[in-house]
Amino acid sequence: MAVLGAIYLAEAVAWLFAVRANPMIFDDKFQESVARFTEFFAITAAPLWFFTVIALTHGRPTRRLVWLVVGAIAVFPLPLVIGVVV
């Protein structure tokens, strides 16, 4: 479980680097606010998934492991790995 926790922490840091490595220019404040909102949730998605799975699968280690692995794959930071093509 500690290894998966470290993976989720690394994914959150990787999303932070991905967001900072790909700055965007906006036409208006609404676009900027929506983009900042989604960037925030991209960065916090991995820790939120980790703590949610821990909280909701108390006493079911097999189910917990399955959901943690699914989450590690689901929140993987692809923009950092393959880059962003606009």
PDB file of N, CA and C in Angstrom:
ATOM      1  N   MET A   1       0.820  -1.181   0.000  1.00  0.00           N
ATOM      2  CA  MET A   1       0.000   0.000   0.000  1.00  0.00           C
ATOM      3  C   MET A   1       0.872   1.256   0.000  1.00  0.00           C
ATOM      4  N   ALA A   2       1.995   1.221   0.693  1.00  0.00           N
ATOM      5  CA  ALA A   2       2.883   2.384   0.712  1.00  0.00           C
ATOM      6  C   ALA A   2       3.446   2.669  -0.680  1.00  0.00           C
ATOM      7  N   VAL A   3       3.687   1.607  -1.441  1.00  0.00           N
ATOM      8  CA  VAL A   3       4.201   1.795  -2.802  1.00  0.00           C
ATOM      9  C   VAL A   3       3.148   2.494  -3.656  1.00  0.00           C
ATOM     10  N   LEU A   4       1.911   2.080  -3.559  1.00  0.00           N
ATOM     11  CA  LEU A   4       0.852   2.733  -4.326  1.00  0.00           C
ATOM     12  C   LEU A   4       0.638   4.171  -3.854  1.00  0.00           C
ATOM     13  N   GLY A   5       0.783   4.424  -2.560  1.00  0.00           N
ATOM     14  CA  GLY A   5       0.703   5.790  -2.062  1.00  0.00           C
ATOM     15  C   GLY A   5       1.791   6.671  -2.650  1.00  0.00           C
ATOM     16  N   ALA A   6       2.998   6.120  -2.763  1.00  0.00           N
ATOM     17  CA  ALA A   6       4.104   6.861  -3.376  1.00  0.00           C
ATOM     18  C   ALA A   6       3.851   7.094  -4.859  1.00  0.00           C
ATOM     19  N   ILE A   7       3.257   6.114  -5.536  1.00  0.00           N
ATOM     20  CA  ILE A   7       2.927   6.272  -6.951  1.00  0.00           C
ATOM     21  C   ILE A   7       1.906   7.399  -7.129  1.00  0.00           C
ATOM     22  N   TYR A   8       0.890   7.433  -6.270  1.00  0.00           N
ATOM     23  CA  TYR A   8      -0.117   8.492  -6.358  1.00  0.00           C
ATOM     24  C   TYR A   8       0.497   9.860  -6.071  1.00  0.00           C
ATOM     25  N   LEU A   9       1.405   9.937  -5.111  1.00  0.00           N
ATOM     26  CA  LEU A   9       2.079  11.203  -4.832  1.00  0.00           C
ATOM     27  C   LEU A   9       2.925  11.636  -6.025  1.00  0.00           C
ATOM     28  N   ALA A  10       3.632  10.682  -6.634  1.00  0.00           N
ATOM     29  CA  ALA A  10       4.431  10.995  -7.820  1.00  0.00           C
ATOM     30  C   ALA A  10       3.547  11.455  -8.973  1.00  0.00           C
ATOM     31  N   GLU A  11       2.368  10.861  -9.120  1.00  0.00           N
ATOM     32  CA  GLU A  11       1.453  11.284 -10.177  1.00  0.00           C
ATOM     33  C   GLU A  11       0.958  12.707  -9.933  1.00  0.00           C
ATOM     34  N   ALA A  12       0.697  13.073  -8.691  1.00  0.00           N
ATOM     35  CA  ALA A  12       0.264  14.442  -8.391  1.00  0.00           C
ATOM     36  C   ALA A  12       1.373  15.438  -8.733  1.00  0.00           C
ATOM     37  N   VAL A  13       2.612  15.104  -8.385  1.00  0.00           N
ATOM     38  CA  VAL A  13       3.741  15.983  -8.704  1.00  0.00           C
ATOM     39  C   VAL A  13       3.939  16.044 -10.217  1.00  0.00           C
ATOM     40  N   ALA A  14       3.779  14.914 -10.899  1.00  0.00           N
ATOM     41  CA  ALA A  14       3.922  14.897 -12.357  1.00  0.00           C
ATOM     42  C   ALA A  14       2.853  15.759 -13.018  1.00  0.00           C
ATOM     43  N   TRP A  15       1.619  15.728 -12.505  1.00  0.00           N
ATOM     44  CA  TRP A  15       0.573  16.602 -13.049  1.00  0.00           C
ATOM     45  C   TRP A  15       0.908  18.065 -12.820  1.00  0.00           C
ATOM     46  N   LEU A  16       1.504  18.365 -11.671  1.00  0.00           N
ATOM     47  CA  LEU A  16       1.921  19.739 -11.406  1.00  0.00           C
ATOM     48  C   LEU A  16       2.956  20.189 -12.437  1.00  0.00           C
ATOM     49  N   PHE A  17       3.939  19.342 -12.712  1.00  0.00           N
ATOM     50  CA  PHE A  17       4.940  19.667 -13.730  1.00  0.00           C
ATOM     51  C   PHE A  17       4.316  19.778 -15.120  1.00  0.00           C
ATOM     52  N   ALA A  18       3.357  18.902 -15.434  1.00  0.00           N
ATOM     53  CA  ALA A  18       2.703  18.946 -16.741  1.00  0.00           C
ATOM     54  C   ALA A  18       1.912  20.234 -16.918  1.00  0.00           C
ATOM     55  N   VAL A  19       1.233  20.660 -15.877  1.00  0.00           N
ATOM     56  CA  VAL A  19       0.452  21.905 -15.952  1.00  0.00           C
ATOM     57  C   VAL A  19       1.380  23.098 -16.117  1.00  0.00           C
ATOM     58  N   ARG A  20       2.479  23.112 -15.393  1.00  0.00           N
ATOM     59  CA  ARG A  20       3.411  24.239 -15.464  1.00  0.00           C
ATOM     60  C   ARG A  20       4.225  24.232 -16.765  1.00  0.00           C
ATOM     61  N   ALA A  21       4.435  23.082 -17.357  1.00  0.00           N
ATOM     62  CA  ALA A  21       5.222  22.991 -18.589  1.00  0.00           C
ATOM     63  C   ALA A  21       4.417  23.374 -19.828  1.00  0.00           C
ATOM     64  N   ASN A  22       3.101  23.439 -19.705  1.00  0.00           N
ATOM     65  CA  ASN A  22       2.233  23.736 -20.841  1.00  0.00           C
ATOM     66  C   ASN A  22       1.363  24.949 -20.552  1.00  0.00           C
ATOM     67  N   PRO A  23       1.941  26.151 -20.514  1.00  0.00           N
ATOM     68  CA  PRO A  23       1.130  27.342 -20.230  1.00  0.00           C
ATOM     69  C   PRO A  23       0.189  27.657 -21.392  1.00  0.00           C
ATOM     70  N   MET A  24      -0.936  28.244 -21.035  1.00  0.00           N
ATOM     71  CA  MET A  24      -1.924  28.605 -22.041  1.00  0.00           C
ATOM     72  C   MET A  24      -2.201  30.103 -21.980  1.00  0.00           C
ATOM     73  N   ILE A  25      -2.605  30.667 -23.108  1.00  0.00           N
ATOM     74  CA  ILE A  25      -2.978  32.067 -23.189  1.00  0.00           C
ATOM     75  C   ILE A  25      -4.483  32.132 -23.420  1.00  0.00           C
ATOM     76  N   PHE A  26      -5.155  32.975 -22.670  1.00  0.00           N
ATOM     77  CA  PHE A  26      -6.611  33.031 -22.709  1.00  0.00           C
ATOM     78  C   PHE A  26      -7.097  34.374 -23.233  1.00  0.00           C
ATOM     79  N   ASP A  27      -8.284  34.336 -23.833  1.00  0.00           N
ATOM     80  CA  ASP A  27      -8.902  35.548 -24.362  1.00  0.00           C
ATOM     81  C   ASP A  27      -9.668  36.316 -23.297  1.00  0.00           C
ATOM     82  N   ASP A  28     -10.270  35.593 -22.367  1.00  0.00           N
ATOM     83  CA  ASP A  28     -11.053  36.282 -21.343  1.00  0.00           C
ATOM     84  C   ASP A  28     -10.879  35.602 -19.996  1.00  0.00           C
ATOM     85  N   LYS A  29     -11.436  36.230 -18.983  1.00  0.00           N
ATOM     86  CA  LYS A  29     -11.290  35.739 -17.607  1.00  0.00           C
ATOM     87  C   LYS A  29     -12.037  34.429 -17.376  1.00  0.00           C
ATOM     88  N   PHE A  30     -13.152  34.231 -18.063  1.00  0.00           N
ATOM     89  CA  PHE A  30     -13.904  32.991 -17.878  1.00  0.00           C
ATOM     90  C   PHE A  30     -13.084  31.790 -18.325  1.00  0.00           C
ATOM     91  N   GLN A  31     -12.472  31.875 -19.504  1.00  0.00           N
ATOM     92  CA  GLN A  31     -11.633  30.778 -19.982  1.00  0.00           C
ATOM     93  C   GLN A  31     -10.478  30.515 -19.018  1.00  0.00           C
ATOM     94  N   GLU A  32      -9.888  31.571 -18.523  1.00  0.00           N
ATOM     95  CA  GLU A  32      -8.774  31.416 -17.594  1.00  0.00           C
ATOM     96  C   GLU A  32      -9.216  30.753 -16.293  1.00  0.00           C
ATOM     97  N   SER A  33     -10.360  31.157 -15.777  1.00  0.00           N
ATOM     98  CA  SER A  33     -10.833  30.581 -14.520  1.00  0.00           C
ATOM     99  C   SER A  33     -11.205  29.108 -14.680  1.00  0.00           C
ATOM    100  N   VAL A  34     -11.828  28.755 -15.796  1.00  0.00           N
ATOM    101  CA  VAL A  34     -12.157  27.346 -16.040  1.00  0.00           C
ATOM    102  C   VAL A  34     -10.883  26.518 -16.196  1.00  0.00           C
ATOM    103  N   ALA A  35      -9.900  27.045 -16.891  1.00  0.00           N
ATOM    104  CA  ALA A  35      -8.645  26.328 -17.068  1.00  0.00           C
ATOM    105  C   ALA A  35      -7.932  26.142 -15.736  1.00  0.00           C
ATOM    106  N   ARG A  36      -7.890  27.154 -14.911  1.00  0.00           N
ATOM    107  CA  ARG A  36      -7.239  27.039 -13.593  1.00  0.00           C
ATOM    108  C   ARG A  36      -7.977  26.037 -12.713  1.00  0.00           C
ATOM    109  N   PHE A  37      -9.293  26.030 -12.808  1.00  0.00           N
ATOM    110  CA  PHE A  37     -10.110  25.084 -12.050  1.00  0.00           C
ATOM    111  C   PHE A  37      -9.789  23.645 -12.452  1.00  0.00           C
ATOM    112  N   THR A  38      -9.727  23.392 -13.749  1.00  0.00           N
ATOM    113  CA  THR A  38      -9.426  22.037 -14.208  1.00  0.00           C
ATOM    114  C   THR A  38      -7.976  21.657 -13.917  1.00  0.00           C
ATOM    115  N   GLU A  39      -7.059  22.607 -13.968  1.00  0.00           N
ATOM    116  CA  GLU A  39      -5.667  22.311 -13.599  1.00  0.00           C
ATOM    117  C   GLU A  39      -5.585  21.905 -12.131  1.00  0.00           C
ATOM    118  N   PHE A  40      -6.317  22.604 -11.282  1.00  0.00           N
ATOM    119  CA  PHE A  40      -6.334  22.265  -9.860  1.00  0.00           C
ATOM    120  C   PHE A  40      -6.815  20.836  -9.647  1.00  0.00           C
ATOM    121  N   PHE A  41      -7.901  20.451 -10.320  1.00  0.00           N
ATOM    122  CA  PHE A  41      -8.423  19.104 -10.146  1.00  0.00           C
ATOM    123  C   PHE A  41      -7.545  18.047 -10.813  1.00  0.00           C
ATOM    124  N   ALA A  42      -6.837  18.404 -11.855  1.00  0.00           N
ATOM    125  CA  ALA A  42      -5.888  17.456 -12.444  1.00  0.00           C
ATOM    126  C   ALA A  42      -4.769  17.152 -11.459  1.00  0.00           C
ATOM    127  N   ILE A  43      -4.317  18.166 -10.743  1.00  0.00           N
ATOM    128  CA  ILE A  43      -3.235  17.969  -9.775  1.00  0.00           C
ATOM    129  C   ILE A  43      -3.718  17.211  -8.546  1.00  0.00           C
ATOM    130  N   THR A  44      -4.923  17.487  -8.092  1.00  0.00           N
ATOM    131  CA  THR A  44      -5.415  16.856  -6.866  1.00  0.00           C
ATOM    132  C   THR A  44      -6.182  15.549  -7.099  1.00  0.00           C
ATOM    133  N   ALA A  45      -6.359  15.139  -8.331  1.00  0.00           N
ATOM    134  CA  ALA A  45      -7.134  13.928  -8.613  1.00  0.00           C
ATOM    135  C   ALA A  45      -6.493  12.677  -8.017  1.00  0.00           C
ATOM    136  N   ALA A  46      -5.191  12.548  -8.136  1.00  0.00           N
ATOM    137  CA  ALA A  46      -4.524  11.342  -7.628  1.00  0.00           C
ATOM    138  C   ALA A  46      -4.648  11.212  -6.105  1.00  0.00           C
ATOM    139  N   PRO A  47      -4.314  12.244  -5.336  1.00  0.00           N
ATOM    140  CA  PRO A  47      -4.503  12.096  -3.886  1.00  0.00           C
ATOM    141  C   PRO A  47      -5.965  11.905  -3.480  1.00  0.00           C
ATOM    142  N   LEU A  48      -6.883  12.583  -4.178  1.00  0.00           N
ATOM    143  CA  LEU A  48      -8.298  12.396  -3.867  1.00  0.00           C
ATOM    144  C   LEU A  48      -8.737  10.953  -4.121  1.00  0.00           C
ATOM    145  N   TRP A  49      -8.293  10.387  -5.235  1.00  0.00           N
ATOM    146  CA  TRP A  49      -8.636   8.986  -5.544  1.00  0.00           C
ATOM    147  C   TRP A  49      -8.065   8.067  -4.465  1.00  0.00           C
ATOM    148  N   PHE A  50      -6.801   8.274  -4.112  1.00  0.00           N
ATOM    149  CA  PHE A  50      -6.138   7.423  -3.122  1.00  0.00           C
ATOM    150  C   PHE A  50      -6.891   7.446  -1.788  1.00  0.00           C
ATOM    151  N   PHE A  51      -7.158   8.627  -1.260  1.00  0.00           N
ATOM    152  CA  PHE A  51      -7.820   8.719   0.040  1.00  0.00           C
ATOM    153  C   PHE A  51      -9.271   8.256  -0.012  1.00  0.00           C
ATOM    154  N   THR A  52      -9.939   8.448  -1.136  1.00  0.00           N
ATOM    155  CA  THR A  52     -11.314   7.964  -1.281  1.00  0.00           C
ATOM    156  C   THR A  52     -11.353   6.436  -1.264  1.00  0.00           C
ATOM    157  N   VAL A  53     -10.442   5.811  -1.994  1.00  0.00           N
ATOM    158  CA  VAL A  53     -10.395   4.348  -2.013  1.00  0.00           C
ATOM    159  C   VAL A  53     -10.069   3.809  -0.625  1.00  0.00           C
ATOM    160  N   ILE A  54      -9.123   4.428   0.057  1.00  0.00           N
ATOM    161  CA  ILE A  54      -8.770   3.986   1.407  1.00  0.00           C
ATOM    162  C   ILE A  54      -9.985   4.101   2.332  1.00  0.00           C
ATOM    163  N   ALA A  55     -10.719   5.187   2.231  1.00  0.00           N
ATOM    164  CA  ALA A  55     -11.864   5.410   3.110  1.00  0.00           C
ATOM    165  C   ALA A  55     -13.031   4.476   2.805  1.00  0.00           C
ATOM    166  N   LEU A  56     -13.249   4.174   1.519  1.00  0.00           N
ATOM    167  CA  LEU A  56     -14.452   3.408   1.151  1.00  0.00           C
ATOM    168  C   LEU A  56     -14.257   1.904   1.101  1.00  0.00           C
ATOM    169  N   THR A  57     -13.026   1.425   1.142  1.00  0.00           N
ATOM    170  CA  THR A  57     -12.804  -0.022   1.061  1.00  0.00           C
ATOM    171  C   THR A  57     -12.198  -0.563   2.342  1.00  0.00           C
ATOM    172  N   HIS A  58     -12.627  -0.052   3.455  1.00  0.00           N
ATOM    173  CA  HIS A  58     -12.122  -0.501   4.749  1.00  0.00           C
ATOM    174  C   HIS A  58     -12.471  -1.971   4.974  1.00  0.00           C
ATOM    175  N   GLY A  59     -11.472  -2.783   5.236  1.00  0.00           N
ATOM    176  CA  GLY A  59     -11.704  -4.192   5.515  1.00  0.00           C
ATOM    177  C   GLY A  59     -11.771  -5.090   4.291  1.00  0.00           C
ATOM    178  N   ARG A  60     -11.548  -4.559   3.116  1.00  0.00           N
ATOM    179  CA  ARG A  60     -11.570  -5.359   1.884  1.00  0.00           C
ATOM    180  C   ARG A  60     -10.267  -5.142   1.128  1.00  0.00           C
ATOM    181  N   PRO A  61      -9.197  -5.839   1.518  1.00  0.00           N
ATOM    182  CA  PRO A  61      -7.884  -5.562   0.923  1.00  0.00           C
ATOM    183  C   PRO A  61      -7.791  -5.881  -0.568  1.00  0.00           C
ATOM    184  N   THR A  62      -8.470  -6.899  -1.035  1.00  0.00           N
ATOM    185  CA  THR A  62      -8.407  -7.243  -2.459  1.00  0.00           C
ATOM    186  C   THR A  62      -9.096  -6.167  -3.300  1.00  0.00           C
ATOM    187  N   ARG A  63     -10.265  -5.782  -2.877  1.00  0.00           N
ATOM    188  CA  ARG A  63     -10.998  -4.741  -3.598  1.00  0.00           C
ATOM    189  C   ARG A  63     -10.233  -3.416  -3.557  1.00  0.00           C
ATOM    190  N   ARG A  64      -9.611  -3.122  -2.421  1.00  0.00           N
ATOM    191  CA  ARG A  64      -8.819  -1.903  -2.286  1.00  0.00           C
ATOM    192  C   ARG A  64      -7.656  -1.907  -3.264  1.00  0.00           C
ATOM    193  N   LEU A  65      -6.947  -3.018  -3.362  1.00  0.00           N
ATOM    194  CA  LEU A  65      -5.810  -3.117  -4.274  1.00  0.00           C
ATOM    195  C   LEU A  65      -6.249  -2.943  -5.725  1.00  0.00           C
ATOM    196  N   VAL A  66      -7.350  -3.573  -6.083  1.00  0.00           N
ATOM    197  CA  VAL A  66      -7.855  -3.451  -7.456  1.00  0.00           C
ATOM    198  C   VAL A  66      -8.186  -1.999  -7.779  1.00  0.00           C
ATOM    199  N   TRP A  67      -8.898  -1.319  -6.894  1.00  0.00           N
ATOM    200  CA  TRP A  67      -9.284   0.075  -7.160  1.00  0.00           C
ATOM    201  C   TRP A  67      -8.087   1.016  -7.141  1.00  0.00           C
ATOM    202  N   LEU A  68      -7.085   0.734  -6.319  1.00  0.00           N
ATOM    203  CA  LEU A  68      -5.887   1.561  -6.323  1.00  0.00           C
ATOM    204  C   LEU A  68      -5.106   1.407  -7.629  1.00  0.00           C
ATOM    205  N   VAL A  69      -5.031   0.190  -8.145  1.00  0.00           N
ATOM    206  CA  VAL A  69      -4.343  -0.019  -9.423  1.00  0.00           C
ATOM    207  C   VAL A  69      -5.127   0.631 -10.560  1.00  0.00           C
ATOM    208  N   VAL A  70      -6.439   0.487 -10.560  1.00  0.00           N
ATOM    209  CA  VAL A  70      -7.272   1.139 -11.583  1.00  0.00           C
ATOM    210  C   VAL A  70      -7.086   2.655 -11.536  1.00  0.00           C
ATOM    211  N   GLY A  71      -7.060   3.219 -10.345  1.00  0.00           N
ATOM    212  CA  GLY A  71      -6.869   4.654 -10.210  1.00  0.00           C
ATOM    213  C   GLY A  71      -5.496   5.113 -10.653  1.00  0.00           C
ATOM    214  N   ALA A  72      -4.467   4.315 -10.361  1.00  0.00           N
ATOM    215  CA  ALA A  72      -3.110   4.678 -10.786  1.00  0.00           C
ATOM    216  C   ALA A  72      -3.018   4.750 -12.305  1.00  0.00           C
ATOM    217  N   ILE A  73      -3.751   3.890 -12.977  1.00  0.00           N
ATOM    218  CA  ILE A  73      -3.776   3.916 -14.441  1.00  0.00           C
ATOM    219  C   ILE A  73      -4.648   5.077 -14.938  1.00  0.00           C
ATOM    220  N   ALA A  74      -5.773   5.312 -14.276  1.00  0.00           N
ATOM    221  CA  ALA A  74      -6.723   6.325 -14.740  1.00  0.00           C
ATOM    222  C   ALA A  74      -6.189   7.750 -14.616  1.00  0.00           C
ATOM    223  N   VAL A  75      -5.422   8.043 -13.591  1.00  0.00           N
ATOM    224  CA  VAL A  75      -4.946   9.415 -13.388  1.00  0.00           C
ATOM    225  C   VAL A  75      -3.496   9.599 -13.835  1.00  0.00           C
ATOM    226  N   PHE A  76      -3.010   8.693 -14.649  1.00  0.00           N
ATOM    227  CA  PHE A  76      -1.637   8.796 -15.143  1.00  0.00           C
ATOM    228  C   PHE A  76      -1.468  10.066 -15.975  1.00  0.00           C
ATOM    229  N   PRO A  77      -0.410  10.831 -15.758  1.00  0.00           N
ATOM    230  CA  PRO A  77      -0.237  12.123 -16.448  1.00  0.00           C
ATOM    231  C   PRO A  77       0.307  11.980 -17.866  1.00  0.00           C
ATOM    232  N   LEU A  78      -0.551  11.665 -18.807  1.00  0.00           N
ATOM    233  CA  LEU A  78      -0.119  11.503 -20.198  1.00  0.00           C
ATOM    234  C   LEU A  78       0.466  12.770 -20.815  1.00  0.00           C
ATOM    235  N   PRO A  79      -0.023  13.977 -20.511  1.00  0.00           N
ATOM    236  CA  PRO A  79       0.593  15.161 -21.107  1.00  0.00           C
ATOM    237  C   PRO A  79       2.073  15.316 -20.773  1.00  0.00           C
ATOM    238  N   LEU A  80       2.472  14.838 -19.624  1.00  0.00           N
ATOM    239  CA  LEU A  80       3.877  14.923 -19.258  1.00  0.00           C
ATOM    240  C   LEU A  80       4.720  13.930 -20.048  1.00  0.00           C
ATOM    241  N   VAL A  81       4.153  12.782 -20.334  1.00  0.00           N
ATOM    242  CA  VAL A  81       4.890  11.719 -21.019  1.00  0.00           C
ATOM    243  C   VAL A  81       4.953  11.956 -22.525  1.00  0.00           C
ATOM    244  N   ILE A  82       3.808  12.251 -23.144  1.00  0.00           N
ATOM    245  CA  ILE A  82       3.786  12.377 -24.603  1.00  0.00           C
ATOM    246  C   ILE A  82       3.769  13.829 -25.084  1.00  0.00           C
ATOM    247  N   GLY A  83       3.625  14.757 -24.163  1.00  0.00           N
ATOM    248  CA  GLY A  83       3.572  16.158 -24.564  1.00  0.00           C
ATOM    249  C   GLY A  83       2.165  16.547 -24.990  1.00  0.00           C
ATOM    250  N   VAL A  84       1.977  17.815 -25.150  1.00  0.00           N
ATOM    251  CA  VAL A  84       0.666  18.332 -25.552  1.00  0.00           C
ATOM    252  C   VAL A  84       0.773  18.876 -26.953  1.00  0.00           C
ATOM    253  N   VAL A  85      -0.090  18.390 -27.825  1.00  0.00           N
ATOM    254  CA  VAL A  85      -0.115  18.874 -29.213  1.00  0.00           C
ATOM    255  C   VAL A  85      -1.342  19.745 -29.368  1.00  0.00           C
ATOM    256  N   VAL A  86      -1.122  20.992 -29.735  1.00  0.00           N
ATOM    257  CA  VAL A  86      -2.248  21.937 -29.884  1.00  0.00           C
ATOM    258  C   VAL A  86      -2.422  22.259 -31.331  1.00  0.00           C
TER     259      VAL A  86
END
